[in-house]
């Protein structure tokens, strides 16, 4: 019902624009982070819904419609953070303004220049109890007490298998170490 209501209201907004304005308007829609535990699907609820640092708490849907580029419904899975919206809008407008150094414009993805997209190696999130570092393929979550959980997102999207407790390959051990260093740097305010 919420998706239908959102779709209806965005449709009303777009229909209220004159044709020229509509044809020159880029629309970006991003969802809220996570679904509450009461209504989350069982596979999401098992690892953590809204408020957690797991997939069910931080992954959000986003749709961009660019009238200047027909992406033919391409679906990108790049990691994007809310800090990326400002540099993206700045680039869309062709402005030369200073932006936060950690934000990355995702405009190349929605303008037909995906090969020039220089995305994030890592993004970070935290709540009062934990902090997480996320890459394209892995998520490391560390509690304030220093306990860690490490997941391979390609093979374990719903984060049921903590690789630290099930044993790491030597390649995964190096990836874990890279994530730990990045999270330390972030938590020390140096990322």
Protein backbone atom coordinates (compact mmCIF):
# COMPACT_ATOMS: atom_id res chain seq x y z
CA UNK A 1 0.00 0.00 0.00
CA UNK A 2 2.87 2.39 0.79
CA UNK A 3 4.53 1.72 -2.58
CA UNK A 4 1.24 2.24 -4.40
CA UNK A 5 0.61 5.50 -2.53
CA UNK A 6 4.15 6.71 -3.27
CA UNK A 7 3.77 5.83 -6.95
CA UNK A 8 0.42 7.63 -7.10
CA UNK A 9 1.72 10.80 -5.46
CA UNK A 10 4.89 10.97 -7.57
CA UNK A 11 2.70 10.46 -10.64
CA UNK A 12 0.50 13.37 -9.53
CA UNK A 13 3.58 15.56 -9.01
CA UNK A 14 4.95 14.77 -12.47
CA UNK A 15 1.55 15.26 -14.12
CA UNK A 16 1.30 18.71 -12.50
CA UNK A 17 4.36 19.88 -14.47
CA UNK A 18 4.04 21.34 -17.92
CA UNK A 19 5.52 19.20 -20.71
CA UNK A 20 8.73 21.23 -21.10
CA UNK A 21 9.47 21.16 -17.36
CA UNK A 22 8.76 17.43 -17.13
CA UNK A 23 11.02 16.71 -20.11
CA UNK A 24 13.85 18.61 -18.37
CA UNK A 25 13.49 17.14 -14.89
CA UNK A 26 15.69 14.41 -13.45
CA UNK A 27 13.79 12.44 -10.81
CA UNK A 28 15.62 10.64 -8.00
CA UNK A 29 13.71 8.55 -5.50
CA UNK A 30 15.32 6.79 -2.57
CA UNK A 31 13.56 4.65 -0.02
CA UNK A 32 13.89 4.68 3.72
CA UNK A 33 16.57 2.47 5.20
CA UNK A 34 15.11 -0.84 6.24
CA UNK A 35 11.74 -2.26 7.11
CA UNK A 36 10.54 -2.44 10.70
CA UNK A 37 10.86 -5.83 12.37
CA UNK A 38 7.08 -6.21 12.66
CA UNK A 39 6.61 -6.18 8.86
CA UNK A 40 9.99 -7.39 7.55
CA UNK A 41 10.09 -10.60 5.54
CA UNK A 42 11.35 -13.61 7.50
CA UNK A 43 14.67 -13.81 5.61
CA UNK A 44 15.41 -10.16 6.46
CA UNK A 45 14.09 -10.34 10.02
CA UNK A 46 16.44 -13.26 10.80
CA UNK A 47 19.61 -11.18 10.30
CA UNK A 48 18.30 -7.76 11.28
CA UNK A 49 15.70 -5.31 10.05
CA UNK A 50 15.43 -1.53 10.49
CA UNK A 51 17.92 -0.20 13.03
CA UNK A 52 20.46 -2.96 12.43
CA UNK A 53 23.59 -2.66 10.31
CA UNK A 54 22.69 -5.78 8.32
CA UNK A 55 21.23 -5.81 4.83
CA UNK A 56 17.67 -5.42 6.15
CA UNK A 57 18.60 -2.29 8.07
CA UNK A 58 20.77 -0.31 5.67
CA UNK A 59 20.10 -1.36 2.06
CA UNK A 60 17.70 1.02 0.35
CA UNK A 61 16.09 1.07 -3.09
CA UNK A 62 16.79 3.98 -5.40
CA UNK A 63 15.34 4.87 -8.80
CA UNK A 64 16.62 7.63 -11.09
CA UNK A 65 14.85 8.80 -14.22
CA UNK A 66 16.99 10.97 -16.48
CA UNK A 67 15.06 12.32 -19.49
CA UNK A 68 18.35 13.01 -21.29
CA UNK A 69 19.45 9.36 -21.22
CA UNK A 70 17.48 6.19 -21.86
CA UNK A 71 19.16 3.62 -19.67
CA UNK A 72 16.68 0.99 -20.86
CA UNK A 73 15.95 -0.07 -17.29
CA UNK A 74 19.54 -0.85 -16.33
CA UNK A 75 19.95 -2.06 -12.77
CA UNK A 76 23.22 -1.18 -11.05
CA UNK A 77 24.35 -2.77 -7.81
CA UNK A 78 27.13 -0.31 -6.99
CA UNK A 79 27.32 0.77 -3.37
CA UNK A 80 26.09 4.33 -3.04
CA UNK A 81 25.74 6.37 0.12
CA UNK A 82 23.52 9.31 0.98
CA UNK A 83 26.69 11.45 1.05
CA UNK A 84 26.81 10.93 -2.74
CA UNK A 85 23.67 12.91 -3.52
CA UNK A 86 25.19 16.37 -3.15
CA UNK A 87 28.17 15.77 -5.49
CA UNK A 88 25.80 14.04 -7.94
CA UNK A 89 23.43 17.02 -8.10
CA UNK A 90 26.42 19.40 -8.39
CA UNK A 91 27.68 17.41 -11.38
CA UNK A 92 24.19 17.20 -12.92
CA UNK A 93 23.93 20.97 -12.79
CA UNK A 94 27.41 21.43 -14.25
CA UNK A 95 28.55 23.46 -11.26
CA UNK A 96 32.10 23.67 -10.00
CA UNK A 97 31.52 23.67 -6.26
CA UNK A 98 33.54 22.05 -3.52
CA UNK A 99 31.87 18.97 -2.06
CA UNK A 100 32.57 16.68 0.87
CA UNK A 101 35.65 14.67 -0.04
CA UNK A 102 34.11 11.30 0.81
CA UNK A 103 31.02 11.77 -1.38
CA UNK A 104 31.20 10.41 -4.95
CA UNK A 105 28.97 11.53 -7.80
CA UNK A 106 26.95 8.64 -9.24
CA UNK A 107 25.85 10.80 -12.18
CA UNK A 108 27.96 8.71 -14.62
CA UNK A 109 25.73 5.72 -13.84
CA UNK A 110 22.54 7.57 -14.80
CA UNK A 111 23.90 9.47 -17.78
CA UNK A 112 25.33 6.69 -19.92
CA UNK A 113 28.93 7.03 -18.73
CA UNK A 114 29.07 4.11 -16.30
CA UNK A 115 32.65 3.32 -17.36
CA UNK A 116 33.78 6.63 -15.85
CA UNK A 117 32.10 5.98 -12.48
CA UNK A 118 34.67 6.04 -9.67
CA UNK A 119 32.64 4.55 -6.86
CA UNK A 120 33.43 3.72 -3.29
CA UNK A 121 35.76 0.98 -2.19
CA UNK A 122 34.04 1.10 1.21
CA UNK A 123 31.05 2.80 2.76
CA UNK A 124 30.37 3.06 6.49
CA UNK A 125 27.41 3.09 8.79
CA UNK A 126 26.92 2.94 12.52
CA UNK A 127 24.39 3.03 15.31
CA UNK A 128 24.84 3.37 19.06
CA UNK A 129 26.02 -0.25 19.52
CA UNK A 130 27.92 -1.10 16.32
CA UNK A 131 29.78 0.19 13.29
CA UNK A 132 30.05 -1.42 9.86
CA UNK A 133 32.18 -1.18 6.75
CA UNK A 134 30.67 -2.43 3.51
CA UNK A 135 32.30 -3.17 0.16
CA UNK A 136 30.80 -4.59 -3.01
CA UNK A 137 31.22 -8.13 -1.69
CA UNK A 138 31.72 -8.04 2.08
CA UNK A 139 30.33 -6.49 5.26
CA UNK A 140 32.22 -6.26 8.55
CA UNK A 141 30.21 -5.34 11.64
CA UNK A 142 32.02 -4.51 14.90
CA UNK A 143 30.32 -4.00 18.25
CA UNK A 144 31.47 -1.30 20.65
CA UNK A 145 33.00 -4.13 22.71
CA UNK A 146 35.15 -5.19 19.72
CA UNK A 147 33.29 -8.35 18.67
CA UNK A 148 33.21 -8.75 14.89
CA UNK A 149 31.00 -10.45 12.31
CA UNK A 150 32.15 -10.75 8.70
CA UNK A 151 29.90 -11.73 5.79
CA UNK A 152 30.39 -12.55 2.10
CA UNK A 153 27.48 -10.68 0.49
CA UNK A 154 27.82 -12.45 -2.86
CA UNK A 155 27.31 -15.93 -1.36
CA UNK A 156 25.35 -14.99 1.76
CA UNK A 157 23.13 -11.98 0.98
CA UNK A 158 21.04 -12.40 4.15
CA UNK A 159 24.17 -12.61 6.33
CA UNK A 160 23.61 -15.89 8.08
CA UNK A 161 27.20 -17.21 7.97
CA UNK A 162 29.72 -15.26 10.03
CA UNK A 163 32.97 -16.11 8.26
CA UNK A 164 35.02 -15.36 11.36
CA UNK A 165 33.35 -18.17 13.30
CA UNK A 166 33.19 -20.60 10.37
CA UNK A 167 36.81 -20.20 9.25
CA UNK A 168 38.42 -17.89 6.72
CA UNK A 169 40.44 -18.77 3.67
CA UNK A 170 43.77 -16.94 3.35
CA UNK A 171 42.20 -14.65 0.69
CA UNK A 172 39.25 -13.88 2.98
CA UNK A 173 41.64 -13.23 5.88
CA UNK A 174 43.34 -10.52 3.79
CA UNK A 175 39.96 -9.03 2.82
CA UNK A 176 38.91 -9.03 6.49
CA UNK A 177 42.16 -7.26 7.39
CA UNK A 178 41.52 -4.60 4.73
CA UNK A 179 37.99 -4.06 6.10
CA UNK A 180 39.29 -3.85 9.68
CA UNK A 181 41.86 -1.22 8.71
CA UNK A 182 39.25 0.82 6.82
CA UNK A 183 36.82 0.64 9.76
CA UNK A 184 39.57 1.67 12.21
CA UNK A 185 40.43 4.62 9.98
CA UNK A 186 36.77 5.64 9.75
CA UNK A 187 36.19 5.35 13.50
CA UNK A 188 39.27 7.46 14.15
CA UNK A 189 37.88 10.19 11.87
CA UNK A 190 40.52 9.72 9.18
CA UNK A 191 38.56 8.30 6.28
